Amino acid sequence: MAAKNRLCAAGVKLRTQINTAYPNRDKSSDGWLGDARHRKSKSDHNPDPRTGIVRALDIDADLGDSYESWELAESLRILAKAGDRRIAYIIHNKKIASRLLGWKWRPYLGSNPHYTHIHVSFTTAGDADGKKFGVTAQNRTPGARKA
């Protein structure tokens, strides 16, 4: 019998924390399980054939209350750079960050620029590790724009 598809524990925890930190956010571009287009290629949105675990999470870029999605993407990059081994890479606004170049943002040349969402891929370390991420809504007044 095939394993039931499920989001990795790190993805479940991150999604829960983001939903709590940004309660008014749009979720229309959220997702984790790949569609037919994803299944045609190698994608972390596709379930691991042995375990059914999906190691990718898309988070809608509209966080509500004028919070900026790039701030969330940057906080995830900083967490990964500081040693959170559960995060494999992050893509947002035509940029990607991964361990490959020391978690520096670099141009993302894939066909989807990820304007509408933040993509987070997880390593196998995130399969069962559902401990908290250091993610909170930015400490500023909702509606204020960073200069």
Protein backbone atom coordinates (compact mmCIF):
# COMPACT_ATOMS: atom_id res chain seq x y z
CA MET A 1 0.00 0.00 0.00
CA ALA A 2 1.34 3.45 -0.95
CA ALA A 3 2.17 5.92 1.80
CA LYS A 4 -0.39 8.67 2.35
CA ASN A 5 0.78 12.05 1.06
CA ARG A 6 1.55 14.56 3.79
CA LEU A 7 3.48 17.76 4.28
CA CYS A 8 6.72 17.35 6.23
CA ALA A 9 6.57 18.27 9.93
CA ALA A 10 8.69 21.39 9.41
CA GLY A 11 6.28 22.58 6.70
CA VAL A 12 3.26 22.01 8.93
CA LYS A 13 4.88 23.97 11.76
CA LEU A 14 5.99 26.84 9.51
CA ARG A 15 2.52 27.13 7.92
CA THR A 16 0.89 27.17 11.38
CA GLN A 17 3.27 29.84 12.66
CA ILE A 18 2.75 32.02 9.58
CA ASN A 19 -1.03 31.68 9.87
CA THR A 20 -0.77 32.82 13.50
CA ALA A 21 1.68 35.67 12.82
CA TYR A 22 -0.27 36.98 9.81
CA PRO A 23 -3.95 36.24 10.59
CA ASN A 24 -5.30 38.50 7.80
CA ARG A 25 -3.14 37.10 5.04
CA ASP A 26 -4.43 35.82 1.70
CA LYS A 27 -4.03 32.07 1.24
CA SER A 28 -5.07 31.74 -2.40
CA SER A 29 -1.49 31.04 -3.59
CA ASP A 30 -0.71 28.69 -0.69
CA GLY A 31 0.04 25.10 -1.50
CA TRP A 32 2.22 22.10 -0.86
CA LEU A 33 1.07 19.13 -2.98
CA GLY A 34 2.14 19.34 -6.61
CA ASP A 35 -0.40 19.39 -9.43
CA ALA A 36 -0.13 17.61 -12.80
CA ARG A 37 2.40 20.20 -14.05
CA HIS A 38 4.65 19.52 -11.04
CA ARG A 39 4.37 15.75 -11.49
CA LYS A 40 5.96 16.03 -14.95
CA SER A 41 9.26 17.15 -13.45
CA LYS A 42 11.43 16.85 -10.37
CA SER A 43 9.82 19.01 -7.70
CA ASP A 44 9.81 19.13 -3.92
CA HIS A 45 6.03 19.53 -4.27
CA ASN A 46 5.90 15.90 -5.39
CA PRO A 47 5.58 13.29 -2.63
CA ASP A 48 8.61 11.15 -1.84
CA PRO A 49 7.64 7.81 -3.45
CA ARG A 50 8.80 5.85 -0.38
CA THR A 51 7.26 7.94 2.39
CA GLY A 52 4.62 10.16 0.78
CA ILE A 53 6.28 13.20 2.40
CA VAL A 54 6.16 16.50 0.50
CA ARG A 55 9.07 18.83 1.20
CA ALA A 56 7.80 22.13 -0.21
CA LEU A 57 5.45 24.87 0.94
CA ASP A 58 4.15 27.89 -0.97
CA ILE A 59 3.05 30.88 1.12
CA ASP A 60 0.90 33.58 -0.52
CA ALA A 61 2.84 36.85 -0.84
CA ASP A 62 -0.13 38.91 0.41
CA LEU A 63 0.46 38.76 4.17
CA GLY A 64 -2.30 41.27 4.91
CA ASP A 65 -2.10 44.44 6.99
CA SER A 66 0.57 45.83 4.62
CA TYR A 67 3.25 43.42 5.80
CA GLU A 68 5.85 42.81 3.12
CA SER A 69 6.48 39.29 1.81
CA TRP A 70 10.17 40.03 1.21
CA GLU A 71 10.55 40.58 4.98
CA LEU A 72 9.23 37.09 5.68
CA ALA A 73 11.40 35.57 2.94
CA GLU A 74 14.42 37.37 4.38
CA SER A 75 13.69 36.19 7.93
CA LEU A 76 13.52 32.59 6.67
CA ARG A 77 16.84 33.09 4.84
CA ILE A 78 18.43 34.40 8.03
CA LEU A 79 17.12 31.40 10.01
CA ALA A 80 18.60 29.02 7.46
CA LYS A 81 21.91 30.88 7.38
CA ALA A 82 22.02 30.72 11.19
CA GLY A 83 21.91 26.93 11.00
CA ASP A 84 18.33 25.70 10.63
CA ARG A 85 19.10 22.59 8.57
CA ARG A 86 15.44 21.93 7.78
CA ILE A 87 15.34 24.63 5.08
CA ALA A 88 16.84 23.61 1.73
CA TYR A 89 16.13 26.78 -0.25
CA ILE A 90 13.80 29.77 -0.58
CA ILE A 91 12.51 31.39 -3.78
CA HIS A 92 10.70 34.73 -4.00
CA ASN A 93 10.54 37.67 -6.45
CA LYS A 94 12.98 36.18 -8.99
CA LYS A 95 15.55 35.44 -6.27
CA ILE A 96 16.72 32.21 -4.66
CA ALA A 97 18.79 31.59 -1.53
CA SER A 98 20.33 28.27 -0.49
CA ARG A 99 23.33 26.79 1.25
CA LEU A 100 25.06 26.60 -2.16
CA LEU A 101 26.34 30.19 -1.92
CA GLY A 102 26.16 30.74 1.81
CA TRP A 103 22.48 31.73 1.83
CA LYS A 104 23.05 34.82 -0.31
CA TRP A 105 20.18 35.92 -2.56
CA ARG A 106 20.96 35.40 -6.24
CA PRO A 107 18.88 35.63 -9.43
CA TYR A 108 16.34 32.85 -9.95
CA LEU A 109 16.05 31.94 -13.62
CA GLY A 110 13.22 29.40 -13.40
CA SER A 111 10.04 29.81 -15.45
CA ASN A 112 7.97 30.87 -12.43
CA PRO A 113 9.35 34.07 -10.86
CA HIS A 114 7.45 33.43 -7.60
CA TYR A 115 5.92 36.89 -7.39
CA THR A 116 2.63 35.65 -5.92
CA HIS A 117 4.15 33.43 -3.26
CA ILE A 118 7.22 32.50 -1.26
CA HIS A 119 8.45 28.98 -1.99
CA VAL A 120 10.23 27.12 0.82
CA SER A 121 11.78 23.71 0.21
CA PHE A 122 12.80 21.52 3.10
CA THR A 123 15.50 18.89 3.59
CA THR A 124 14.81 15.43 4.96
CA ALA A 125 15.75 16.88 8.37
CA GLY A 126 12.33 18.53 8.30
CA ASP A 127 10.43 15.28 7.75
CA ALA A 128 9.89 14.64 11.47
CA ASP A 129 11.30 17.84 13.02
CA GLY A 130 8.32 20.08 13.75
CA LYS A 131 9.99 22.38 16.27
CA LYS A 132 9.18 26.08 16.12
CA PHE A 133 10.81 28.41 13.63
CA GLY A 134 11.76 31.89 14.79
CA VAL A 135 9.06 33.46 12.63
CA THR A 136 6.84 36.28 13.85
CA ALA A 137 5.16 39.22 12.16
CA GLN A 138 7.66 42.02 11.77
CA ASN A 139 7.83 44.33 14.76
CA ARG A 140 6.37 47.41 13.16
CA THR A 141 3.02 49.10 12.89
CA PRO A 142 0.71 47.39 10.36
CA GLY A 143 0.25 49.70 7.40
CA ALA A 144 3.69 51.28 7.79
CA ARG A 145 5.99 50.86 4.83
CA LYS A 146 9.70 50.34 5.20
CA ALA A 147 11.57 53.23 3.55
